[in-house]
Amino acid sequence: MAFTFRLQALYHWRKNLEELSQLRLAGYLKALASQEERREKLRETRKAYDGECRQKASQGAVVSDLLLYLDYFDDSFQKLEVLEQERKKNLKVIETERRKLLDLTRERKILEKLKERQFKRFLAEQEKKERKATDDLVVQRRPGSRKGI
């Protein structure tokens, strides 16, 4: 008789959900990293343009050129604010997904322990049946061997 775990389908389903959660979390983390890259590039660009603007202002640049820089700084600041809001939103999503992953992992491990316990019981039962069968064979031989004496 082979061992069968009655909750095997549930175990596989939970394991698949856990793997999907891991993939989603990896995707969210990758998106967050690319978002951080965009923020950093925007900050570097702003810093470079700020230096350029200060240099031109000290050299007596035309007001219209300086206004272009100021417009860029306003636009880029708004973009930074939007990116920061998206970052906070993504961090919340990542935290939620981490919690889901922890719950799914916990549930899968519970099912694994249950499966192990049931398998141990199955092995103990099998061993008990084998001992009984062996004992029955030994008992059957004894009476036959006494007739020959």
N, C-alpha and C. Protein backbone atom coordinates (compact mmCIF):
# COMPACT_ATOMS: atom_id res chain seq x y z
N MET A 1 0.85 -1.18 0.00
CA MET A 1 0.00 0.00 0.00
C MET A 1 0.89 1.24 0.00
N ALA A 2 0.61 2.14 -0.89
CA ALA A 2 1.42 3.37 -1.01
C ALA A 2 0.82 4.47 -0.13
N PHE A 3 1.70 5.35 0.30
CA PHE A 3 1.26 6.48 1.14
C PHE A 3 0.56 7.51 0.28
N THR A 4 -0.59 7.97 0.73
CA THR A 4 -1.29 9.06 0.05
C THR A 4 -1.61 10.14 1.07
N PHE A 5 -1.30 11.36 0.69
CA PHE A 5 -1.59 12.51 1.53
C PHE A 5 -2.87 13.12 1.01
N ARG A 6 -3.90 13.10 1.81
CA ARG A 6 -5.22 13.55 1.35
C ARG A 6 -5.24 15.02 0.98
N LEU A 7 -4.37 15.81 1.58
CA LEU A 7 -4.35 17.24 1.32
C LEU A 7 -3.27 17.63 0.30
N GLN A 8 -2.85 16.67 -0.51
CA GLN A 8 -1.78 16.93 -1.48
C GLN A 8 -2.16 18.03 -2.47
N ALA A 9 -3.40 18.02 -2.92
CA ALA A 9 -3.84 19.06 -3.88
C ALA A 9 -3.79 20.43 -3.21
N LEU A 10 -4.23 20.50 -1.98
CA LEU A 10 -4.17 21.77 -1.24
C LEU A 10 -2.72 22.21 -1.05
N TYR A 11 -1.85 21.25 -0.74
CA TYR A 11 -0.42 21.55 -0.57
C TYR A 11 0.16 22.13 -1.85
N HIS A 12 -0.13 21.50 -2.97
CA HIS A 12 0.40 22.01 -4.26
C HIS A 12 -0.17 23.39 -4.58
N TRP A 13 -1.44 23.57 -4.30
CA TRP A 13 -2.06 24.86 -4.55
C TRP A 13 -1.41 25.95 -3.71
N ARG A 14 -1.19 25.66 -2.41
CA ARG A 14 -0.53 26.63 -1.53
C ARG A 14 0.90 26.91 -1.98
N LYS A 15 1.59 25.89 -2.41
CA LYS A 15 2.96 26.05 -2.88
C LYS A 15 3.00 26.92 -4.14
N ASN A 16 2.04 26.71 -5.05
CA ASN A 16 1.96 27.53 -6.25
C ASN A 16 1.64 28.98 -5.90
N LEU A 17 0.72 29.17 -4.95
CA LEU A 17 0.41 30.54 -4.51
C LEU A 17 1.65 31.21 -3.92
N GLU A 18 2.41 30.45 -3.17
CA GLU A 18 3.64 31.00 -2.57
C GLU A 18 4.63 31.40 -3.66
N GLU A 19 4.80 30.55 -4.66
CA GLU A 19 5.71 30.87 -5.76
C GLU A 19 5.25 32.09 -6.53
N LEU A 20 3.95 32.19 -6.77
CA LEU A 20 3.41 33.37 -7.46
C LEU A 20 3.64 34.63 -6.64
N SER A 21 3.47 34.51 -5.34
CA SER A 21 3.70 35.65 -4.46
C SER A 21 5.17 36.07 -4.51
N GLN A 22 6.06 35.09 -4.54
CA GLN A 22 7.49 35.40 -4.64
C GLN A 22 7.79 36.13 -5.94
N LEU A 23 7.18 35.68 -7.03
CA LEU A 23 7.40 36.33 -8.33
C LEU A 23 6.84 37.75 -8.32
N ARG A 24 5.64 37.93 -7.75
CA ARG A 24 5.07 39.27 -7.68
C ARG A 24 5.96 40.19 -6.84
N LEU A 25 6.42 39.68 -5.71
CA LEU A 25 7.28 40.48 -4.84
C LEU A 25 8.57 40.86 -5.57
N ALA A 26 9.15 39.92 -6.29
CA ALA A 26 10.36 40.22 -7.06
C ALA A 26 10.08 41.30 -8.11
N GLY A 27 8.92 41.22 -8.75
CA GLY A 27 8.55 42.24 -9.74
C GLY A 27 8.38 43.61 -9.10
N TYR A 28 7.73 43.64 -7.94
CA TYR A 28 7.56 44.92 -7.24
C TYR A 28 8.90 45.50 -6.81
N LEU A 29 9.78 44.64 -6.35
CA LEU A 29 11.11 45.12 -5.92
C LEU A 29 11.91 45.64 -7.11
N LYS A 30 11.77 44.96 -8.24
CA LYS A 30 12.46 45.41 -9.45
C LYS A 30 11.91 46.76 -9.91
N ALA A 31 10.59 46.91 -9.86
CA ALA A 31 9.97 48.19 -10.24
C ALA A 31 10.41 49.30 -9.30
N LEU A 32 10.49 48.98 -8.01
CA LEU A 32 10.95 49.97 -7.04
C LEU A 32 12.39 50.39 -7.32
N ALA A 33 13.24 49.42 -7.67
CA ALA A 33 14.63 49.73 -7.98
C ALA A 33 14.73 50.64 -9.21
N SER A 34 13.94 50.35 -10.24
CA SER A 34 13.99 51.21 -11.44
C SER A 34 13.44 52.60 -11.13
N GLN A 35 12.45 52.64 -10.27
CA GLN A 35 11.89 53.93 -9.84
C GLN A 35 12.93 54.73 -9.06
N GLU A 36 13.66 54.06 -8.20
CA GLU A 36 14.74 54.72 -7.45
C GLU A 36 15.81 55.25 -8.40
N GLU A 37 16.09 54.47 -9.44
CA GLU A 37 17.08 54.90 -10.44
C GLU A 37 16.62 56.19 -11.13
N ARG A 38 15.33 56.21 -11.52
CA ARG A 38 14.79 57.40 -12.18
C ARG A 38 14.86 58.61 -11.25
N ARG A 39 14.54 58.42 -9.99
CA ARG A 39 14.61 59.52 -9.02
C ARG A 39 16.04 60.03 -8.90
N GLU A 40 16.96 59.10 -8.82
CA GLU A 40 18.37 59.49 -8.65
C GLU A 40 18.87 60.23 -9.89
N LYS A 41 18.51 59.74 -11.08
CA LYS A 41 18.92 60.43 -12.31
C LYS A 41 18.33 61.83 -12.37
N LEU A 42 17.07 61.96 -11.99
CA LEU A 42 16.42 63.27 -11.99
C LEU A 42 17.12 64.21 -11.00
N ARG A 43 17.47 63.69 -9.86
CA ARG A 43 18.19 64.52 -8.87
C ARG A 43 19.55 64.96 -9.41
N GLU A 44 20.26 64.03 -10.05
CA GLU A 44 21.57 64.38 -10.61
C GLU A 44 21.43 65.43 -11.71
N THR A 45 20.42 65.26 -12.56
CA THR A 45 20.19 66.22 -13.63
C THR A 45 19.86 67.59 -13.05
N ARG A 46 18.99 67.59 -12.03
CA ARG A 46 18.65 68.87 -11.38
C ARG A 46 19.90 69.53 -10.81
N LYS A 47 20.76 68.72 -10.19
CA LYS A 47 21.98 69.26 -9.58
C LYS A 47 22.90 69.85 -10.66
N ALA A 48 23.01 69.14 -11.79
CA ALA A 48 23.85 69.63 -12.88
C ALA A 48 23.29 70.94 -13.44
N TYR A 49 21.98 70.95 -13.66
CA TYR A 49 21.37 72.18 -14.18
C TYR A 49 21.43 73.31 -13.17
N ASP A 50 21.37 73.00 -11.90
CA ASP A 50 21.49 74.03 -10.87
C ASP A 50 22.87 74.69 -10.94
N GLY A 51 23.90 73.84 -11.10
CA GLY A 51 25.26 74.38 -11.24
C GLY A 51 25.39 75.23 -12.48
N GLU A 52 24.80 74.76 -13.56
CA GLU A 52 24.83 75.50 -14.82
C GLU A 52 24.11 76.84 -14.67
N CYS A 53 22.96 76.81 -14.03
CA CYS A 53 22.15 78.02 -13.83
C CYS A 53 22.92 79.03 -12.98
N ARG A 54 23.53 78.57 -11.92
CA ARG A 54 24.30 79.47 -11.05
C ARG A 54 25.48 80.08 -11.80
N GLN A 55 26.12 79.25 -12.62
CA GLN A 55 27.27 79.75 -13.39
C GLN A 55 26.81 80.83 -14.38
N LYS A 56 25.71 80.57 -15.09
CA LYS A 56 25.22 81.55 -16.05
C LYS A 56 24.73 82.82 -15.35
N ALA A 57 24.11 82.64 -14.18
CA ALA A 57 23.62 83.80 -13.43
C ALA A 57 24.79 84.66 -12.97
N SER A 58 25.88 84.02 -12.58
CA SER A 58 27.04 84.80 -12.13
C SER A 58 27.74 85.49 -13.31
N GLN A 59 27.56 84.94 -14.51
CA GLN A 59 28.17 85.56 -15.70
C GLN A 59 27.25 86.59 -16.33
N GLY A 60 26.06 86.76 -15.77
CA GLY A 60 25.14 87.77 -16.31
C GLY A 60 24.35 87.26 -17.49
N ALA A 61 23.70 86.12 -17.36
CA ALA A 61 22.91 85.54 -18.45
C ALA A 61 21.62 86.32 -18.65
N VAL A 62 20.99 86.05 -19.77
CA VAL A 62 19.72 86.68 -20.12
C VAL A 62 18.64 86.11 -19.20
N VAL A 63 17.71 86.97 -18.81
CA VAL A 63 16.65 86.58 -17.87
C VAL A 63 15.81 85.43 -18.44
N SER A 64 15.57 85.44 -19.74
CA SER A 64 14.73 84.39 -20.35
C SER A 64 15.39 83.02 -20.19
N ASP A 65 16.73 82.98 -20.27
CA ASP A 65 17.44 81.71 -20.06
C ASP A 65 17.28 81.24 -18.62
N LEU A 66 17.39 82.17 -17.70
CA LEU A 66 17.24 81.80 -16.28
C LEU A 66 15.82 81.35 -15.98
N LEU A 67 14.84 81.95 -16.65
CA LEU A 67 13.45 81.54 -16.46
C LEU A 67 13.22 80.11 -16.96
N LEU A 68 13.91 79.75 -18.03
CA LEU A 68 13.83 78.37 -18.52
C LEU A 68 14.32 77.39 -17.45
N TYR A 69 15.43 77.75 -16.82
CA TYR A 69 15.95 76.90 -15.75
C TYR A 69 14.95 76.80 -14.60
N LEU A 70 14.37 77.92 -14.23
CA LEU A 70 13.41 77.92 -13.13
C LEU A 70 12.17 77.08 -13.47
N ASP A 71 11.72 77.17 -14.73
CA ASP A 71 10.59 76.33 -15.15
C ASP A 71 10.96 74.84 -15.06
N TYR A 72 12.18 74.53 -15.49
CA TYR A 72 12.64 73.14 -15.40
C TYR A 72 12.67 72.68 -13.94
N PHE A 73 13.17 73.53 -13.06
CA PHE A 73 13.24 73.15 -11.64
C PHE A 73 11.85 72.91 -11.07
N ASP A 74 10.90 73.74 -11.45
CA ASP A 74 9.52 73.54 -10.97
C ASP A 74 8.95 72.21 -11.49
N ASP A 75 9.11 71.99 -12.79
CA ASP A 75 8.60 70.74 -13.38
C ASP A 75 9.28 69.52 -12.77
N SER A 76 10.59 69.58 -12.66
CA SER A 76 11.31 68.42 -12.13
C SER A 76 10.98 68.19 -10.65
N PHE A 77 10.72 69.28 -9.92
CA PHE A 77 10.34 69.12 -8.51
C PHE A 77 8.99 68.42 -8.42
N GLN A 78 8.06 68.78 -9.30
CA GLN A 78 6.76 68.11 -9.31
C GLN A 78 6.91 66.63 -9.68
N LYS A 79 7.80 66.35 -10.64
CA LYS A 79 8.06 64.96 -11.01
C LYS A 79 8.65 64.18 -9.83
N LEU A 80 9.55 64.84 -9.09
CA LEU A 80 10.12 64.19 -7.91
C LEU A 80 9.04 63.91 -6.87
N GLU A 81 8.12 64.84 -6.69
CA GLU A 81 7.03 64.62 -5.73
C GLU A 81 6.16 63.45 -6.16
N VAL A 82 5.85 63.37 -7.45
CA VAL A 82 5.05 62.27 -7.97
C VAL A 82 5.79 60.95 -7.77
N LEU A 83 7.07 60.94 -8.09
CA LEU A 83 7.87 59.73 -7.90
C LEU A 83 7.92 59.32 -6.44
N GLU A 84 7.99 60.28 -5.54
CA GLU A 84 8.02 59.97 -4.11
C GLU A 84 6.69 59.37 -3.66
N GLN A 85 5.59 59.91 -4.17
CA GLN A 85 4.27 59.35 -3.84
C GLN A 85 4.15 57.92 -4.38
N GLU A 86 4.61 57.71 -5.60
CA GLU A 86 4.59 56.36 -6.19
C GLU A 86 5.47 55.42 -5.38
N ARG A 87 6.60 55.92 -4.92
CA ARG A 87 7.52 55.11 -4.11
C ARG A 87 6.84 54.66 -2.82
N LYS A 88 6.17 55.60 -2.15
CA LYS A 88 5.48 55.26 -0.91
C LYS A 88 4.37 54.24 -1.17
N LYS A 89 3.66 54.45 -2.27
CA LYS A 89 2.60 53.51 -2.65
C LYS A 89 3.18 52.12 -2.91
N ASN A 90 4.29 52.08 -3.65
CA ASN A 90 4.94 50.80 -3.95
C ASN A 90 5.47 50.13 -2.69
N LEU A 91 5.98 50.92 -1.75
CA LEU A 91 6.47 50.34 -0.50
C LEU A 91 5.33 49.69 0.28
N LYS A 92 4.16 50.31 0.26
CA LYS A 92 3.00 49.72 0.93
C LYS A 92 2.60 48.41 0.25
N VAL A 93 2.60 48.42 -1.09
CA VAL A 93 2.26 47.21 -1.84
C VAL A 93 3.27 46.11 -1.54
N ILE A 94 4.54 46.47 -1.49
CA ILE A 94 5.59 45.49 -1.21
C ILE A 94 5.42 44.92 0.19
N GLU A 95 5.12 45.76 1.15
CA GLU A 95 4.92 45.29 2.52
C GLU A 95 3.72 44.34 2.61
N THR A 96 2.65 44.69 1.92
CA THR A 96 1.47 43.82 1.88
C THR A 96 1.81 42.48 1.25
N GLU A 97 2.55 42.52 0.16
CA GLU A 97 2.93 41.27 -0.52
C GLU A 97 3.86 40.44 0.34
N ARG A 98 4.74 41.08 1.08
CA ARG A 98 5.63 40.34 2.00
C ARG A 98 4.82 39.63 3.07
N ARG A 99 3.83 40.32 3.60
CA ARG A 99 2.97 39.69 4.62
C ARG A 99 2.23 38.50 4.03
N LYS A 100 1.70 38.68 2.82
CA LYS A 100 1.01 37.56 2.16
C LYS A 100 1.96 36.39 1.97
N LEU A 101 3.18 36.70 1.53
CA LEU A 101 4.16 35.64 1.31
C LEU A 101 4.49 34.92 2.61
N LEU A 102 4.65 35.67 3.69
CA LEU A 102 4.92 35.04 4.98
C LEU A 102 3.76 34.14 5.40
N ASP A 103 2.54 34.59 5.21
CA ASP A 103 1.38 33.78 5.55
C ASP A 103 1.32 32.51 4.71
N LEU A 104 1.56 32.67 3.41
CA LEU A 104 1.54 31.50 2.52
C LEU A 104 2.65 30.51 2.86
N THR A 105 3.81 31.04 3.18
CA THR A 105 4.93 30.17 3.56
C THR A 105 4.60 29.42 4.85
N ARG A 106 4.02 30.13 5.80
CA ARG A 106 3.64 29.51 7.06
C ARG A 106 2.62 28.39 6.82
N GLU A 107 1.62 28.66 6.00
CA GLU A 107 0.60 27.65 5.71
C GLU A 107 1.20 26.44 5.00
N ARG A 108 2.11 26.69 4.06
CA ARG A 108 2.75 25.57 3.35
C ARG A 108 3.57 24.72 4.31
N LYS A 109 4.29 25.38 5.22
CA LYS A 109 5.10 24.64 6.18
C LYS A 109 4.22 23.82 7.12
N ILE A 110 3.06 24.36 7.49
CA ILE A 110 2.14 23.60 8.34
C ILE A 110 1.68 22.35 7.61
N LEU A 111 1.34 22.51 6.32
CA LEU A 111 0.93 21.35 5.54
C LEU A 111 2.07 20.35 5.39
N GLU A 112 3.30 20.84 5.23
CA GLU A 112 4.45 19.93 5.14
C GLU A 112 4.62 19.13 6.43
N LYS A 113 4.49 19.80 7.57
CA LYS A 113 4.61 19.10 8.85
C LYS A 113 3.50 18.08 9.01
N LEU A 114 2.30 18.44 8.61
CA LEU A 114 1.19 17.50 8.68
C LEU A 114 1.46 16.29 7.80
N LYS A 115 1.99 16.53 6.61
CA LYS A 115 2.31 15.44 5.70
C LYS A 115 3.39 14.55 6.31
N GLU A 116 4.41 15.15 6.91
CA GLU A 116 5.48 14.36 7.54
C GLU A 116 4.93 13.51 8.68
N ARG A 117 4.07 14.10 9.51
CA ARG A 117 3.48 13.34 10.62
C ARG A 117 2.65 12.18 10.11
N GLN A 118 1.84 12.44 9.09
CA GLN A 118 1.03 11.37 8.53
C GLN A 118 1.90 10.29 7.90
N PHE A 119 2.99 10.69 7.27
CA PHE A 119 3.89 9.70 6.68
C PHE A 119 4.57 8.86 7.76
N LYS A 120 4.96 9.50 8.87
CA LYS A 120 5.54 8.73 9.98
C LYS A 120 4.54 7.74 10.55
N ARG A 121 3.29 8.19 10.70
CA ARG A 121 2.24 7.27 11.18
C ARG A 121 2.04 6.13 10.19
N PHE A 122 2.07 6.45 8.91
CA PHE A 122 1.92 5.42 7.89
C PHE A 122 3.06 4.40 7.99
N LEU A 123 4.29 4.89 8.15
CA LEU A 123 5.42 3.98 8.27
C LEU A 123 5.31 3.12 9.52
N ALA A 124 4.90 3.72 10.63
CA ALA A 124 4.73 2.96 11.87
C ALA A 124 3.65 1.90 11.69
N GLU A 125 2.57 2.24 11.02
CA GLU A 125 1.50 1.29 10.75
C GLU A 125 1.98 0.15 9.88
N GLN A 126 2.74 0.50 8.86
CA GLN A 126 3.28 -0.52 7.96
C GLN A 126 4.22 -1.46 8.72
N GLU A 127 5.05 -0.87 9.56
CA GLU A 127 5.97 -1.68 10.35
C GLU A 127 5.21 -2.60 11.30
N LYS A 128 4.14 -2.10 11.88
CA LYS A 128 3.31 -2.88 12.78
C LYS A 128 2.66 -4.04 12.02
N LYS A 129 2.17 -3.77 10.82
CA LYS A 129 1.56 -4.83 10.00
C LYS A 129 2.60 -5.88 9.62
N GLU A 130 3.80 -5.44 9.30
CA GLU A 130 4.86 -6.39 8.94
C GLU A 130 5.23 -7.26 10.13
N ARG A 131 5.33 -6.65 11.31
CA ARG A 131 5.63 -7.43 12.52
C ARG A 131 4.53 -8.44 12.80
N LYS A 132 3.30 -8.03 12.63
CA LYS A 132 2.18 -8.93 12.87
C LYS A 132 2.21 -10.09 11.89
N ALA A 133 2.49 -9.77 10.61
CA ALA A 133 2.57 -10.82 9.60
C ALA A 133 3.72 -11.77 9.92
N THR A 134 4.85 -11.23 10.34
CA THR A 134 6.00 -12.07 10.70
C THR A 134 5.67 -12.92 11.92
N ASP A 135 5.03 -12.33 12.91
CA ASP A 135 4.63 -13.08 14.11
C ASP A 135 3.65 -14.19 13.75
N ASP A 136 2.72 -13.91 12.86
CA ASP A 136 1.76 -14.92 12.43
C ASP A 136 2.47 -16.08 11.74
N LEU A 137 3.48 -15.77 10.91
CA LEU A 137 4.24 -16.82 10.24
C LEU A 137 5.01 -17.67 11.26
N VAL A 138 5.58 -17.02 12.26
CA VAL A 138 6.33 -17.75 13.29
C VAL A 138 5.38 -18.64 14.09
N VAL A 139 4.23 -18.13 14.43
CA VAL A 139 3.24 -18.91 15.20
C VAL A 139 2.75 -20.09 14.38
N GLN A 140 2.53 -19.92 13.10
CA GLN A 140 2.06 -21.01 12.24
C GLN A 140 3.11 -22.10 12.12
N ARG A 141 4.37 -21.79 12.13
CA ARG A 141 5.44 -22.78 11.99
C ARG A 141 5.62 -23.59 13.28
N ARG A 142 5.43 -23.00 14.41
CA ARG A 142 5.64 -23.69 15.68
C ARG A 142 4.79 -24.93 15.84
N PRO A 143 3.52 -24.81 15.64
CA PRO A 143 2.73 -26.03 15.83
C PRO A 143 3.14 -27.14 14.86
N GLY A 144 3.52 -26.79 13.67
CA GLY A 144 3.95 -27.80 12.69
C GLY A 144 5.25 -28.44 13.10
N SER A 145 6.13 -27.69 13.73
CA SER A 145 7.42 -28.24 14.12
C SER A 145 7.28 -29.14 15.34
N ARG A 146 6.29 -28.96 16.17
CA ARG A 146 6.08 -29.80 17.35
C ARG A 146 5.52 -31.17 16.96
N LYS A 147 4.79 -31.24 15.88
CA LYS A 147 4.26 -32.54 15.44
C LYS A 147 5.37 -33.48 15.04
N GLY A 148 6.44 -32.91 14.55
CA GLY A 148 7.56 -33.74 14.12
C GLY A 148 8.36 -34.27 15.30
N ILE A 149 8.16 -33.85 16.52
CA ILE A 149 8.97 -34.28 17.67
C ILE A 149 8.45 -35.53 18.24
